[in-house]
């Protein structure tokens, strides 16, 4: 399963909590959130566009950095 890296504009733990809520709704996804560095890593076979749209549901700015 590829591991995708995203930069997400997080300013507080509420932001990372919101990301956790939307990502927990996806099936077959593992993720890590590094709030101080504004990074989110998602292990998933889902299309990157699906992952981006899910992250954007939080209202935060999202940038895809590629697979790691």
Protein backbone atom coordinates (compact mmCIF):
# COMPACT_ATOMS: atom_id res chain seq x y z
CA UNK A 1 0.00 0.00 0.00
CA UNK A 2 1.52 3.35 -0.98
CA UNK A 3 2.14 6.00 1.67
CA UNK A 4 1.08 9.48 0.54
CA UNK A 5 2.33 12.71 2.10
CA UNK A 6 0.16 15.82 2.33
CA UNK A 7 0.79 19.29 3.72
CA UNK A 8 -2.33 20.50 5.54
CA UNK A 9 -2.72 23.97 7.07
CA UNK A 10 -3.19 23.03 10.74
CA UNK A 11 -3.02 25.67 13.44
CA UNK A 12 -4.18 23.74 16.51
CA UNK A 13 -5.14 20.36 17.89
CA UNK A 14 -8.73 21.04 16.82
CA UNK A 15 -7.47 20.97 13.22
CA UNK A 16 -5.76 17.61 13.68
CA UNK A 17 -8.87 16.30 15.46
CA UNK A 18 -10.99 17.31 12.44
CA UNK A 19 -8.59 15.47 10.14
CA UNK A 20 -8.78 12.39 12.34
CA UNK A 21 -12.60 12.45 12.19
CA UNK A 22 -12.79 12.62 8.38
CA UNK A 23 -10.01 10.07 7.84
CA UNK A 24 -11.61 7.60 10.26
CA UNK A 25 -14.66 7.54 7.97
CA UNK A 26 -12.59 6.06 5.13
CA UNK A 27 -12.21 2.28 4.88
CA UNK A 28 -8.79 0.58 4.72
CA UNK A 29 -6.77 3.69 5.53
CA UNK A 30 -3.89 4.11 7.98
CA UNK A 31 -2.71 7.62 8.75
CA UNK A 32 -0.32 9.67 10.86
CA UNK A 33 -0.72 13.36 11.64
CA UNK A 34 2.27 15.59 12.47
CA UNK A 35 0.47 18.76 13.54
CA UNK A 36 3.56 20.88 14.39
CA UNK A 37 4.96 20.32 10.88
CA UNK A 38 1.57 20.40 9.08
CA UNK A 39 2.11 16.92 7.62
CA UNK A 40 -0.28 14.03 7.13
CA UNK A 41 0.80 10.61 5.89
CA UNK A 42 -1.88 8.28 4.58
CA UNK A 43 -1.34 4.63 3.67
CA UNK A 44 -4.06 3.66 1.23
CA UNK A 45 -4.80 2.14 -2.15
CA UNK A 46 -7.42 4.83 -2.71
CA UNK A 47 -6.96 7.37 -5.48
CA UNK A 48 -5.06 10.51 -4.44
CA UNK A 49 -8.02 12.66 -5.54
CA UNK A 50 -10.28 10.82 -3.07
CA UNK A 51 -7.78 11.40 -0.28
CA UNK A 52 -7.40 15.10 -1.20
CA UNK A 53 -11.17 15.66 -1.27
CA UNK A 54 -11.51 13.93 2.10
CA UNK A 55 -8.83 16.17 3.65
CA UNK A 56 -10.40 19.29 2.11
CA UNK A 57 -13.68 18.53 3.90
CA UNK A 58 -12.01 20.01 6.99
CA UNK A 59 -11.83 23.41 5.25
CA UNK A 60 -8.03 23.43 5.43
CA UNK A 61 -5.60 24.13 2.60
CA UNK A 62 -4.18 20.83 1.30
CA UNK A 63 -1.12 20.17 -0.88
CA UNK A 64 0.00 16.75 -2.12
CA UNK A 65 3.74 16.06 -1.75
CA UNK A 66 3.79 12.61 -3.38
CA UNK A 67 4.44 9.12 -2.14
CA UNK A 68 7.09 8.31 0.44
